[in-house]
Amino acid sequence: MAESVYKVIELIGTSTESWEKATAAAVETASKTIRDLRIAEISELDVQIEEGKIHAYRAKIKVSFKYHSNA
């Protein structure tokens, strides 16, 4: 098996509906500009509150993707 290197970045997705949709929004947006996404790990979940009600769900995720050198 060839050796591989992966890079990890942190993203925050938001949704007015759910943490799942917040996570999906972050992954889907990242996949438009990053090749070879591999793993998304949820590191934190929180909500934004306005006037005593949940206004938005936020998911902080760590996403890994395969690193390709330009060599």
PDB file of N, CA and C in Angstrom:
ATOM      1  N   MET A   1       0.832  -1.183   0.000  1.00  0.00           N
ATOM      2  CA  MET A   1       0.000   0.000   0.000  1.00  0.00           C
ATOM      3  C   MET A   1       0.876   1.245   0.000  1.00  0.00           C
ATOM      4  N   ALA A   2       0.581   2.200  -0.835  1.00  0.00           N
ATOM      5  CA  ALA A   2       1.331   3.443  -0.889  1.00  0.00           C
ATOM      6  C   ALA A   2       1.046   4.274   0.359  1.00  0.00           C
ATOM      7  N   GLU A   3       2.042   5.046   0.754  1.00  0.00           N
ATOM      8  CA  GLU A   3       1.862   5.910   1.908  1.00  0.00           C
ATOM      9  C   GLU A   3       1.043   7.127   1.518  1.00  0.00           C
ATOM     10  N   SER A   4       0.247   7.618   2.443  1.00  0.00           N
ATOM     11  CA  SER A   4      -0.610   8.770   2.191  1.00  0.00           C
ATOM     12  C   SER A   4      -0.458   9.776   3.312  1.00  0.00           C
ATOM     13  N   VAL A   5      -0.777  11.021   2.998  1.00  0.00           N
ATOM     14  CA  VAL A   5      -0.769  12.094   3.978  1.00  0.00           C
ATOM     15  C   VAL A   5      -2.122  12.787   3.904  1.00  0.00           C
ATOM     16  N   TYR A   6      -2.668  13.128   5.065  1.00  0.00           N
ATOM     17  CA  TYR A   6      -3.963  13.787   5.126  1.00  0.00           C
ATOM     18  C   TYR A   6      -3.840  15.092   5.902  1.00  0.00           C
ATOM     19  N   LYS A   7      -4.588  16.074   5.498  1.00  0.00           N
ATOM     20  CA  LYS A   7      -4.642  17.358   6.184  1.00  0.00           C
ATOM     21  C   LYS A   7      -5.988  17.452   6.887  1.00  0.00           C
ATOM     22  N   VAL A   8      -6.004  18.098   8.048  1.00  0.00           N
ATOM     23  CA  VAL A   8      -7.232  18.278   8.809  1.00  0.00           C
ATOM     24  C   VAL A   8      -7.489  19.778   8.958  1.00  0.00           C
ATOM     25  N   ILE A   9      -8.716  20.188   8.652  1.00  0.00           N
ATOM     26  CA  ILE A   9      -9.128  21.574   8.848  1.00  0.00           C
ATOM     27  C   ILE A   9     -10.383  21.597   9.707  1.00  0.00           C
ATOM     28  N   GLU A  10     -10.657  22.733  10.289  1.00  0.00           N
ATOM     29  CA  GLU A  10     -11.850  22.871  11.123  1.00  0.00           C
ATOM     30  C   GLU A  10     -12.847  23.791  10.432  1.00  0.00           C
ATOM     31  N   LEU A  11     -14.091  23.390  10.413  1.00  0.00           N
ATOM     32  CA  LEU A  11     -15.164  24.151   9.785  1.00  0.00           C
ATOM     33  C   LEU A  11     -16.323  24.289  10.765  1.00  0.00           C
ATOM     34  N   ILE A  12     -17.141  25.311  10.555  1.00  0.00           N
ATOM     35  CA  ILE A  12     -18.373  25.462  11.331  1.00  0.00           C
ATOM     36  C   ILE A  12     -19.516  25.609  10.346  1.00  0.00           C
ATOM     37  N   GLY A  13     -20.477  24.683  10.416  1.00  0.00           N
ATOM     38  CA  GLY A  13     -21.672  24.751   9.588  1.00  0.00           C
ATOM     39  C   GLY A  13     -22.837  25.245  10.434  1.00  0.00           C
ATOM     40  N   THR A  14     -23.774  25.951   9.791  1.00  0.00           N
ATOM     41  CA  THR A  14     -24.945  26.433  10.517  1.00  0.00           C
ATOM     42  C   THR A  14     -26.224  26.044   9.783  1.00  0.00           C
ATOM     43  N   SER A  15     -27.295  25.924  10.539  1.00  0.00           N
ATOM     44  CA  SER A  15     -28.609  25.608   9.986  1.00  0.00           C
ATOM     45  C   SER A  15     -29.671  26.130  10.946  1.00  0.00           C
ATOM     46  N   THR A  16     -30.785  26.541  10.409  1.00  0.00           N
ATOM     47  CA  THR A  16     -31.899  26.939  11.270  1.00  0.00           C
ATOM     48  C   THR A  16     -32.754  25.734  11.657  1.00  0.00           C
ATOM     49  N   GLU A  17     -32.421  24.547  11.113  1.00  0.00           N
ATOM     50  CA  GLU A  17     -33.251  23.361  11.343  1.00  0.00           C
ATOM     51  C   GLU A  17     -32.663  22.314  12.280  1.00  0.00           C
ATOM     52  N   SER A  18     -31.347  21.989  12.128  1.00  0.00           N
ATOM     53  CA  SER A  18     -30.791  20.898  12.938  1.00  0.00           C
ATOM     54  C   SER A  18     -29.267  20.878  12.868  1.00  0.00           C
ATOM     55  N   TRP A  19     -28.656  20.138  13.831  1.00  0.00           N
ATOM     56  CA  TRP A  19     -27.208  19.948  13.800  1.00  0.00           C
ATOM     57  C   TRP A  19     -26.806  19.096  12.599  1.00  0.00           C
ATOM     58  N   GLU A  20     -27.638  18.134  12.240  1.00  0.00           N
ATOM     59  CA  GLU A  20     -27.329  17.299  11.083  1.00  0.00           C
ATOM     60  C   GLU A  20     -27.236  18.138   9.810  1.00  0.00           C
ATOM     61  N   LYS A  21     -28.166  19.064   9.645  1.00  0.00           N
ATOM     62  CA  LYS A  21     -28.140  19.921   8.452  1.00  0.00           C
ATOM     63  C   LYS A  21     -26.987  20.913   8.517  1.00  0.00           C
ATOM     64  N   ALA A  22     -26.623  21.337   9.704  1.00  0.00           N
ATOM     65  CA  ALA A  22     -25.458  22.208   9.852  1.00  0.00           C
ATOM     66  C   ALA A  22     -24.182  21.474   9.432  1.00  0.00           C
ATOM     67  N   THR A  23     -24.060  20.218   9.866  1.00  0.00           N
ATOM     68  CA  THR A  23     -22.913  19.397   9.480  1.00  0.00           C
ATOM     69  C   THR A  23     -22.887  19.177   7.976  1.00  0.00           C
ATOM     70  N   ALA A  24     -24.034  18.831   7.412  1.00  0.00           N
ATOM     71  CA  ALA A  24     -24.118  18.597   5.965  1.00  0.00           C
ATOM     72  C   ALA A  24     -23.756  19.855   5.182  1.00  0.00           C
ATOM     73  N   ALA A  25     -24.169  21.013   5.667  1.00  0.00           N
ATOM     74  CA  ALA A  25     -23.857  22.265   4.973  1.00  0.00           C
ATOM     75  C   ALA A  25     -22.348  22.492   4.924  1.00  0.00           C
ATOM     76  N   ALA A  26     -21.664  22.226   6.019  1.00  0.00           N
ATOM     77  CA  ALA A  26     -20.208  22.401   6.053  1.00  0.00           C
ATOM     78  C   ALA A  26     -19.515  21.430   5.103  1.00  0.00           C
ATOM     79  N   VAL A  27     -19.921  20.164   5.127  1.00  0.00           N
ATOM     80  CA  VAL A  27     -19.300  19.155   4.255  1.00  0.00           C
ATOM     81  C   VAL A  27     -19.585  19.450   2.790  1.00  0.00           C
ATOM     82  N   GLU A  28     -20.819  19.757   2.471  1.00  0.00           N
ATOM     83  CA  GLU A  28     -21.185  20.013   1.074  1.00  0.00           C
ATOM     84  C   GLU A  28     -20.471  21.242   0.521  1.00  0.00           C
ATOM     85  N   THR A  29     -20.354  22.285   1.323  1.00  0.00           N
ATOM     86  CA  THR A  29     -19.655  23.484   0.869  1.00  0.00           C
ATOM     87  C   THR A  29     -18.165  23.199   0.683  1.00  0.00           C
ATOM     88  N   ALA A  30     -17.562  22.502   1.629  1.00  0.00           N
ATOM     89  CA  ALA A  30     -16.135  22.176   1.512  1.00  0.00           C
ATOM     90  C   ALA A  30     -15.857  21.293   0.298  1.00  0.00           C
ATOM     91  N   SER A  31     -16.766  20.377  -0.005  1.00  0.00           N
ATOM     92  CA  SER A  31     -16.540  19.448  -1.111  1.00  0.00           C
ATOM     93  C   SER A  31     -16.529  20.140  -2.477  1.00  0.00           C
ATOM     94  N   LYS A  32     -17.001  21.376  -2.538  1.00  0.00           N
ATOM     95  CA  LYS A  32     -16.984  22.118  -3.802  1.00  0.00           C
ATOM     96  C   LYS A  32     -15.583  22.596  -4.171  1.00  0.00           C
ATOM     97  N   THR A  33     -14.706  22.758  -3.172  1.00  0.00           N
ATOM     98  CA  THR A  33     -13.369  23.275  -3.442  1.00  0.00           C
ATOM     99  C   THR A  33     -12.241  22.374  -2.961  1.00  0.00           C
ATOM    100  N   ILE A  34     -12.548  21.332  -2.209  1.00  0.00           N
ATOM    101  CA  ILE A  34     -11.513  20.441  -1.674  1.00  0.00           C
ATOM    102  C   ILE A  34     -11.718  19.039  -2.234  1.00  0.00           C
ATOM    103  N   ARG A  35     -10.654  18.494  -2.803  1.00  0.00           N
ATOM    104  CA  ARG A  35     -10.721  17.133  -3.343  1.00  0.00           C
ATOM    105  C   ARG A  35     -10.469  16.096  -2.249  1.00  0.00           C
ATOM    106  N   ASP A  36     -10.998  14.921  -2.462  1.00  0.00           N
ATOM    107  CA  ASP A  36     -10.713  13.741  -1.632  1.00  0.00           C
ATOM    108  C   ASP A  36     -11.021  13.918  -0.154  1.00  0.00           C
ATOM    109  N   LEU A  37     -12.185  14.506   0.158  1.00  0.00           N
ATOM    110  CA  LEU A  37     -12.616  14.550   1.562  1.00  0.00           C
ATOM    111  C   LEU A  37     -12.756  13.121   2.058  1.00  0.00           C
ATOM    112  N   ARG A  38     -12.316  12.869   3.281  1.00  0.00           N
ATOM    113  CA  ARG A  38     -12.325  11.500   3.802  1.00  0.00           C
ATOM    114  C   ARG A  38     -13.198  11.318   5.034  1.00  0.00           C
ATOM    115  N   ILE A  39     -12.959  12.131   6.051  1.00  0.00           N
ATOM    116  CA  ILE A  39     -13.620  11.935   7.343  1.00  0.00           C
ATOM    117  C   ILE A  39     -14.069  13.289   7.880  1.00  0.00           C
ATOM    118  N   ALA A  40     -15.234  13.332   8.498  1.00  0.00           N
ATOM    119  CA  ALA A  40     -15.683  14.519   9.228  1.00  0.00           C
ATOM    120  C   ALA A  40     -15.979  14.079  10.665  1.00  0.00           C
ATOM    121  N   GLU A  41     -15.354  14.737  11.601  1.00  0.00           N
ATOM    122  CA  GLU A  41     -15.543  14.427  13.015  1.00  0.00           C
ATOM    123  C   GLU A  41     -16.185  15.641  13.690  1.00  0.00           C
ATOM    124  N   ILE A  42     -17.311  15.433  14.313  1.00  0.00           N
ATOM    125  CA  ILE A  42     -17.981  16.528  15.017  1.00  0.00           C
ATOM    126  C   ILE A  42     -17.242  16.764  16.331  1.00  0.00           C
ATOM    127  N   SER A  43     -16.743  17.984  16.511  1.00  0.00           N
ATOM    128  CA  SER A  43     -15.994  18.285  17.729  1.00  0.00           C
ATOM    129  C   SER A  43     -16.800  19.105  18.725  1.00  0.00           C
ATOM    130  N   GLU A  44     -17.841  19.801  18.243  1.00  0.00           N
ATOM    131  CA  GLU A  44     -18.641  20.627  19.156  1.00  0.00           C
ATOM    132  C   GLU A  44     -19.986  20.947  18.511  1.00  0.00           C
ATOM    133  N   LEU A  45     -21.021  20.933  19.320  1.00  0.00           N
ATOM    134  CA  LEU A  45     -22.362  21.335  18.883  1.00  0.00           C
ATOM    135  C   LEU A  45     -22.834  22.459  19.796  1.00  0.00           C
ATOM    136  N   ASP A  46     -23.432  23.489  19.203  1.00  0.00           N
ATOM    137  CA  ASP A  46     -24.029  24.531  20.024  1.00  0.00           C
ATOM    138  C   ASP A  46     -25.192  25.158  19.267  1.00  0.00           C
ATOM    139  N   VAL A  47     -25.891  26.043  19.946  1.00  0.00           N
ATOM    140  CA  VAL A  47     -27.020  26.741  19.332  1.00  0.00           C
ATOM    141  C   VAL A  47     -26.888  28.233  19.586  1.00  0.00           C
ATOM    142  N   GLN A  48     -27.404  28.993  18.644  1.00  0.00           N
ATOM    143  CA  GLN A  48     -27.489  30.449  18.804  1.00  0.00           C
ATOM    144  C   GLN A  48     -28.906  30.742  19.284  1.00  0.00           C
ATOM    145  N   ILE A  49     -29.025  31.535  20.336  1.00  0.00           N
ATOM    146  CA  ILE A  49     -30.331  31.824  20.932  1.00  0.00           C
ATOM    147  C   ILE A  49     -30.654  33.299  20.746  1.00  0.00           C
ATOM    148  N   GLU A  50     -31.868  33.559  20.311  1.00  0.00           N
ATOM    149  CA  GLU A  50     -32.361  34.927  20.192  1.00  0.00           C
ATOM    150  C   GLU A  50     -33.769  34.987  20.782  1.00  0.00           C
ATOM    151  N   GLU A  51     -33.975  35.932  21.662  1.00  0.00           N
ATOM    152  CA  GLU A  51     -35.274  36.130  22.310  1.00  0.00           C
ATOM    153  C   GLU A  51     -35.813  34.852  22.957  1.00  0.00           C
ATOM    154  N   GLY A  52     -34.907  34.098  23.582  1.00  0.00           N
ATOM    155  CA  GLY A  52     -35.296  32.898  24.305  1.00  0.00           C
ATOM    156  C   GLY A  52     -35.585  31.683  23.450  1.00  0.00           C
ATOM    157  N   LYS A  53     -35.324  31.762  22.147  1.00  0.00           N
ATOM    158  CA  LYS A  53     -35.583  30.631  21.243  1.00  0.00           C
ATOM    159  C   LYS A  53     -34.342  30.314  20.430  1.00  0.00           C
ATOM    160  N   ILE A  54     -34.242  29.064  20.027  1.00  0.00           N
ATOM    161  CA  ILE A  54     -33.124  28.656  19.182  1.00  0.00           C
ATOM    162  C   ILE A  54     -33.258  29.317  17.825  1.00  0.00           C
ATOM    163  N   HIS A  55     -32.223  30.054  17.466  1.00  0.00           N
ATOM    164  CA  HIS A  55     -32.207  30.747  16.178  1.00  0.00           C
ATOM    165  C   HIS A  55     -31.427  29.939  15.135  1.00  0.00           C
ATOM    166  N   ALA A  56     -30.329  29.281  15.564  1.00  0.00           N
ATOM    167  CA  ALA A  56     -29.518  28.500  14.626  1.00  0.00           C
ATOM    168  C   ALA A  56     -28.764  27.409  15.357  1.00  0.00           C
ATOM    169  N   TYR A  57     -28.578  26.295  14.676  1.00  0.00           N
ATOM    170  CA  TYR A  57     -27.769  25.180  15.157  1.00  0.00           C
ATOM    171  C   TYR A  57     -26.398  25.315  14.511  1.00  0.00           C
ATOM    172  N   ARG A  58     -25.345  25.073  15.306  1.00  0.00           N
ATOM    173  CA  ARG A  58     -23.995  25.166  14.776  1.00  0.00           C
ATOM    174  C   ARG A  58     -23.240  23.884  15.086  1.00  0.00           C
ATOM    175  N   ALA A  59     -22.540  23.376  14.076  1.00  0.00           N
ATOM    176  CA  ALA A  59     -21.724  22.181  14.246  1.00  0.00           C
ATOM    177  C   ALA A  59     -20.288  22.517  13.863  1.00  0.00           C
ATOM    178  N   LYS A  60     -19.384  22.380  14.820  1.00  0.00           N
ATOM    179  CA  LYS A  60     -17.961  22.559  14.533  1.00  0.00           C
ATOM    180  C   LYS A  60     -17.421  21.174  14.185  1.00  0.00           C
ATOM    181  N   ILE A  61     -16.813  21.043  13.020  1.00  0.00           N
ATOM    182  CA  ILE A  61     -16.332  19.739  12.581  1.00  0.00           C
ATOM    183  C   ILE A  61     -14.878  19.824  12.135  1.00  0.00           C
ATOM    184  N   LYS A  62     -14.185  18.725  12.281  1.00  0.00           N
ATOM    185  CA  LYS A  62     -12.837  18.572  11.748  1.00  0.00           C
ATOM    186  C   LYS A  62     -12.964  17.677  10.521  1.00  0.00           C
ATOM    187  N   VAL A  63     -12.478  18.159   9.394  1.00  0.00           N
ATOM    188  CA  VAL A  63     -12.587  17.432   8.136  1.00  0.00           C
ATOM    189  C   VAL A  63     -11.197  17.084   7.659  1.00  0.00           C
ATOM    190  N   SER A  64     -11.001  15.831   7.262  1.00  0.00           N
ATOM    191  CA  SER A  64      -9.700  15.438   6.714  1.00  0.00           C
ATOM    192  C   SER A  64      -9.858  15.167   5.216  1.00  0.00           C
ATOM    193  N   PHE A  65      -8.771  15.478   4.503  1.00  0.00           N
ATOM    194  CA  PHE A  65      -8.728  15.193   3.085  1.00  0.00           C
ATOM    195  C   PHE A  65      -7.313  14.803   2.700  1.00  0.00           C
ATOM    196  N   LYS A  66      -7.222  14.046   1.628  1.00  0.00           N
ATOM    197  CA  LYS A  66      -5.922  13.539   1.179  1.00  0.00           C
ATOM    198  C   LYS A  66      -5.087  14.687   0.634  1.00  0.00           C
ATOM    199  N   TYR A  67      -3.864  14.772   1.087  1.00  0.00           N
ATOM    200  CA  TYR A  67      -2.947  15.816   0.659  1.00  0.00           C
ATOM    201  C   TYR A  67      -2.229  15.357  -0.600  1.00  0.00           C
ATOM    202  N   HIS A  68      -2.246  16.185  -1.630  1.00  0.00           N
ATOM    203  CA  HIS A  68      -1.558  15.895  -2.883  1.00  0.00           C
ATOM    204  C   HIS A  68      -0.447  16.915  -3.066  1.00  0.00           C
ATOM    205  N   SER A  69       0.779  16.461  -3.173  1.00  0.00           N
ATOM    206  CA  SER A  69       1.876  17.411  -3.400  1.00  0.00           C
ATOM    207  C   SER A  69       1.903  17.795  -4.872  1.00  0.00           C
ATOM    208  N   ASN A  70       2.477  18.932  -5.167  1.00  0.00           N
ATOM    209  CA  ASN A  70       2.575  19.409  -6.535  1.00  0.00           C
ATOM    210  C   ASN A  70       3.798  18.864  -7.246  1.00  0.00           C
ATOM    211  N   ALA A  71       4.543  18.007  -6.591  1.00  0.00           N
ATOM    212  CA  ALA A  71       5.766  17.446  -7.188  1.00  0.00           C
ATOM    213  C   ALA A  71       5.458  16.380  -8.205  1.00  0.00           C
TER     214      ALA A  71
END
